[in-house]
Protein backbone atom coordinates (compact mmCIF):
# COMPACT_ATOMS: atom_id res chain seq x y z
CA TYR A 1 0.00 0.00 0.00
CA MET A 2 2.81 2.45 0.88
CA LYS A 3 4.25 2.08 -2.62
CA SER A 4 0.95 2.54 -4.41
CA PRO A 5 -0.27 5.90 -5.79
CA LEU A 6 -2.96 5.97 -3.09
CA ALA A 7 -0.49 6.40 -0.22
CA PRO A 8 0.74 9.95 -1.10
CA ARG A 9 -2.83 11.04 -1.83
CA ARG A 10 -4.00 9.65 1.53
CA LYS A 11 -1.15 11.41 3.34
CA SER A 12 -1.94 14.70 1.59
CA CYS A 13 -5.59 14.36 2.62
CA MET A 14 -4.65 13.72 6.24
CA ASP A 15 -2.24 16.68 6.33
CA GLU A 16 -4.95 18.92 4.89
CA GLN A 17 -7.47 17.77 7.51
CA ALA A 18 -4.93 18.35 10.29
CA SER A 19 -4.25 21.87 8.98
CA ILE A 20 -7.99 22.62 8.86
CA ALA A 21 -8.46 21.37 12.41
CA GLU A 22 -5.89 23.89 13.64
CA GLY A 23 -7.91 26.79 12.19
CA VAL A 24 -6.53 30.08 10.89
CA GLN A 25 -2.96 30.71 12.01
CA LEU A 26 -1.76 34.26 12.75
CA SER A 27 1.91 33.37 13.12
CA MET A 28 4.54 34.09 10.48
CA PRO A 29 5.02 31.01 8.27
CA THR A 30 8.39 29.29 8.65
CA GLU A 31 8.14 27.42 5.34
CA GLY A 32 7.62 28.60 1.78
CA GLY A 33 10.34 31.23 1.65
CA PHE A 34 9.91 34.92 0.89
CA LEU A 35 6.74 34.47 -1.15
CA ALA A 36 4.87 32.84 1.74
CA LYS A 37 5.94 35.59 4.15
CA PHE A 38 5.02 38.31 1.66
CA TRP A 39 1.59 36.79 1.12
CA PHE A 40 1.08 36.47 4.88
CA VAL A 41 1.87 40.16 5.47
CA THR A 42 -0.26 41.26 2.51
CA THR A 43 -3.35 39.32 3.58
CA LEU A 44 -2.94 39.87 7.34
CA PRO A 45 -5.33 42.91 7.49
CA LEU A 46 -8.07 40.88 5.77
CA VAL A 47 -7.44 37.87 8.02
CA LEU A 48 -7.64 40.04 11.14
CA ALA A 49 -10.82 41.74 9.90
CA MET A 50 -12.52 38.40 9.25
CA TYR A 51 -11.21 36.77 12.43
CA VAL A 52 -14.64 37.44 13.96
CA ILE A 53 -16.12 34.80 11.61
CA PRO A 54 -16.20 31.43 13.40
CA ASP A 55 -14.13 28.81 11.60
CA VAL A 56 -16.68 26.00 11.40
CA ARG A 57 -14.07 23.63 10.00
CA ILE A 58 -12.66 23.23 13.52
CA PRO A 59 -14.29 20.31 15.36
CA GLY A 60 -16.89 21.55 17.84
CA LYS A 61 -17.60 24.85 16.07
CA ASP A 62 -20.04 23.54 13.50
CA LYS A 63 -22.91 24.89 15.64
CA TYR A 64 -21.86 28.41 14.60
CA CYS A 65 -22.46 27.68 10.90
CA PHE A 66 -25.39 30.10 10.54
CA ARG A 67 -23.48 32.92 12.24
CA SER A 68 -20.48 32.22 10.04
CA PHE A 69 -22.67 32.28 6.91
CA PHE A 70 -24.35 35.56 7.88
CA LEU A 71 -21.06 37.30 8.72
CA SER A 72 -19.50 36.03 5.48
CA ILE A 73 -22.35 37.55 3.47
CA CYS A 74 -21.88 40.85 5.34
CA PHE A 75 -18.14 40.91 4.56
CA ILE A 76 -18.82 40.10 0.90
CA GLY A 77 -21.19 43.07 0.75
CA VAL A 78 -18.66 45.42 2.36
CA PHE A 79 -15.79 44.27 0.15
CA SER A 80 -17.95 44.47 -2.97
CA PHE A 81 -18.92 48.06 -2.17
CA PHE A 82 -15.30 49.17 -1.82
CA MET A 83 -14.22 47.14 -4.86
CA VAL A 84 -16.78 48.88 -7.09
CA LYS A 85 -15.99 52.29 -5.58
CA TRP A 86 -12.24 51.97 -6.03
CA ALA A 87 -12.57 50.46 -9.52
CA THR A 88 -14.68 53.46 -10.54
CA ILE A 89 -12.09 55.87 -9.12
CA ILE A 90 -9.24 54.08 -10.92
CA GLY A 91 -11.22 54.10 -14.17
CA ASP A 92 -11.93 57.82 -13.89
CA THR A 93 -8.26 58.52 -13.08
CA PHE A 94 -6.94 56.69 -16.14
CA ARG A 95 -9.94 57.68 -18.33
CA ILE A 96 -11.14 54.09 -18.67
CA PRO A 97 -14.91 53.76 -19.31
CA THR A 98 -16.88 52.21 -16.47
CA VAL A 99 -18.22 49.51 -18.80
CA ILE A 100 -14.66 48.35 -19.48
CA MET A 101 -13.81 48.34 -15.76
CA GLY A 102 -16.92 46.27 -15.10
CA LEU A 103 -16.20 43.94 -18.02
CA THR A 104 -12.62 43.20 -16.96
CA PHE A 105 -11.57 44.02 -13.39
CA LEU A 106 -14.92 43.76 -11.63
CA ALA A 107 -15.95 40.67 -13.58
CA ALA A 108 -12.62 38.98 -12.79
CA GLY A 109 -12.74 40.00 -9.12
CA THR A 110 -16.23 38.65 -8.56
CA SER A 111 -15.46 35.43 -10.47
CA VAL A 112 -12.36 34.46 -8.47
CA PRO A 113 -14.41 32.57 -5.83
CA ASP A 114 -16.15 30.62 -8.61
CA LEU A 115 -12.77 29.88 -10.16
CA LEU A 116 -11.29 28.60 -6.90
CA SER A 117 -14.30 26.45 -6.04
CA SER A 118 -14.37 24.98 -9.56
CA VAL A 119 -10.65 24.17 -9.43
CA ILE A 120 -11.02 22.48 -6.03
CA VAL A 121 -13.92 20.23 -7.03
CA ALA A 122 -12.36 19.50 -10.43
CA LYS A 123 -9.19 18.26 -8.71
CA GLN A 124 -11.41 16.01 -6.59
CA GLY A 125 -12.78 14.45 -9.77
CA HIS A 126 -16.15 16.22 -9.79
CA GLY A 127 -16.02 17.83 -13.22
CA ASP A 128 -19.81 18.06 -13.46
CA MET A 129 -19.91 19.99 -10.20
CA ALA A 130 -17.23 22.40 -11.44
CA VAL A 131 -19.22 23.22 -14.58
CA SER A 132 -22.59 23.42 -12.82
CA SER A 133 -21.13 25.69 -10.13
CA SER A 134 -19.99 28.26 -12.69
CA ILE A 135 -23.23 28.11 -14.66
CA GLY A 136 -25.37 28.21 -11.52
CA SER A 137 -23.56 31.22 -10.10
CA ASN A 138 -24.14 33.21 -13.30
CA ILE A 139 -27.81 32.24 -13.37
CA PHE A 140 -28.09 33.38 -9.75
CA ASP A 141 -26.43 36.69 -10.61
CA ILE A 142 -28.86 37.35 -13.45
CA LEU A 143 -32.08 36.12 -11.81
CA VAL A 144 -31.41 37.21 -8.21
CA GLY A 145 -28.35 39.46 -8.00
CA LEU A 146 -29.69 41.96 -10.53
CA PRO A 147 -33.45 42.08 -9.86
CA LEU A 148 -33.32 41.98 -6.05
CA PRO A 149 -31.65 45.43 -5.63
CA TRP A 150 -33.98 46.85 -8.29
CA LEU A 151 -36.99 45.41 -6.45
CA LEU A 152 -35.88 46.80 -3.09
CA TYR A 153 -35.13 50.21 -4.62
CA THR A 154 -38.52 50.36 -6.35
CA LEU A 155 -40.45 49.23 -3.27
CA TYR A 156 -38.64 51.69 -1.01
CA ASN A 157 -39.10 54.72 -3.26
CA SER A 158 -42.67 53.82 -4.19
CA GLY A 159 -43.59 53.50 -0.52
CA GLN A 160 -41.91 56.76 0.44
CA LYS A 161 -43.27 58.94 -2.37
CA GLY A 162 -46.46 57.14 -3.29
CA GLN A 163 -45.63 56.62 -6.96
CA SER A 164 -43.68 54.21 -9.12
CA PHE A 165 -39.93 54.76 -9.48
CA PRO A 166 -38.57 52.26 -12.00
CA VAL A 167 -34.85 51.66 -12.38
CA THR A 168 -33.57 52.96 -15.71
CA VAL A 169 -30.80 50.89 -17.29
CA GLY A 170 -28.37 53.35 -18.83
CA ALA A 171 -26.18 50.87 -20.70
CA GLU A 172 -25.89 51.62 -24.40
CA ASP A 173 -26.20 48.85 -26.98
CA LEU A 174 -27.62 46.51 -24.34
CA ASP A 175 -29.51 44.54 -26.97
CA ILE A 176 -26.27 43.78 -28.82
CA SER A 177 -24.64 42.60 -25.59
CA LEU A 178 -27.61 40.30 -24.93
CA TYR A 179 -27.35 38.81 -28.41
CA ILE A 180 -23.64 38.22 -27.88
CA LEU A 181 -24.35 36.62 -24.50
CA ILE A 182 -26.87 34.23 -26.05
CA GLY A 183 -24.39 33.45 -28.83
CA MET A 184 -21.65 32.74 -26.31
CA LEU A 185 -23.98 30.39 -24.44
CA MET A 186 -24.65 28.47 -27.63
CA VAL A 187 -20.91 28.31 -28.32
CA VAL A 188 -20.27 26.93 -24.82
CA ILE A 189 -22.90 24.21 -25.20
CA GLY A 190 -21.72 23.34 -28.70
CA SER A 191 -18.05 23.21 -27.68
CA ILE A 192 -18.78 20.93 -24.73
CA ALA A 193 -20.59 18.57 -27.06
CA LEU A 194 -17.76 18.88 -29.60
CA PHE A 195 -15.19 17.84 -27.00
CA LYS A 196 -17.39 14.84 -26.14
CA TRP A 197 -18.35 16.19 -22.71
CA ARG A 198 -14.79 16.02 -21.42
CA MET A 199 -12.89 18.84 -19.72
CA ILE A 200 -9.52 18.81 -21.48
CA LYS A 201 -6.85 21.45 -22.00
CA GLU A 202 -7.91 22.10 -25.59
CA MET A 203 -11.27 23.23 -24.25
CA GLY A 204 -9.50 25.61 -21.87
CA TYR A 205 -7.46 27.12 -24.72
CA PHE A 206 -10.61 27.53 -26.79
CA TYR A 207 -12.45 29.31 -23.97
CA PHE A 208 -9.51 31.64 -23.37
CA PHE A 209 -9.57 32.51 -27.06
CA MET A 210 -13.33 33.17 -26.95
CA TYR A 211 -12.96 35.36 -23.85
CA PHE A 212 -10.27 37.55 -25.42
CA LEU A 213 -12.37 37.73 -28.60
CA TYR A 214 -15.34 38.91 -26.53
CA VAL A 215 -13.28 41.51 -24.66
CA GLY A 216 -11.79 42.70 -27.95
CA GLN A 217 -15.15 43.35 -29.57
CA GLU A 218 -16.39 45.16 -26.42
CA LEU A 219 -13.31 47.37 -26.50
CA ALA A 220 -13.89 48.10 -30.17
CA ARG A 221 -17.56 49.04 -29.60
CA THR A 222 -16.92 51.22 -26.54
CA SER A 223 -16.57 54.98 -26.90
CA TRP A 224 -13.36 56.16 -25.21
CA CYS A 225 -14.10 59.85 -25.44
């Protein structure tokens, strides 16, 4: 057994579980060299800020799961507010249109959690979960993340002033963007079928190419004046 490929994987799993049981460590790492120390110092303010969130991975703290979930949502809201605010300021400073900032930096920043979760479950052999997680998160963004703030805004203003206050979408060429989105969805479904429902590196290269093609046409259609 010790010479089989299962032994190193089993040891890695046990080391990971032991590390999780210890919880978040606030001491300077002794391994990993300069990069590990630099990352520790860089992320220390965020770790200290979120230290109030109970680490439910530690045995005996699973009863705090609802508190941990609620506090996590609150921190996501706070970080999202500052991320959008600072991205807007940076875009105005360098004369970058807000639509480009949203298309690139904000889209990448909000998709990092999806990326990490998809990578983790894909490494565990759950390719279907990795794909469904990404698709499900985007469906949630469109069907809940967008209309919920609009609904709350409309209900609040209608109740305060006694008349309807709809939210006006100020994005230009929104219909073209929707057509492109539908086309991209068809390309994704067709490419998955073309690669015989397997997640291989050629599929990754193809999706990178399609993403840069999409960003390129958005840059070409955007007015930079």
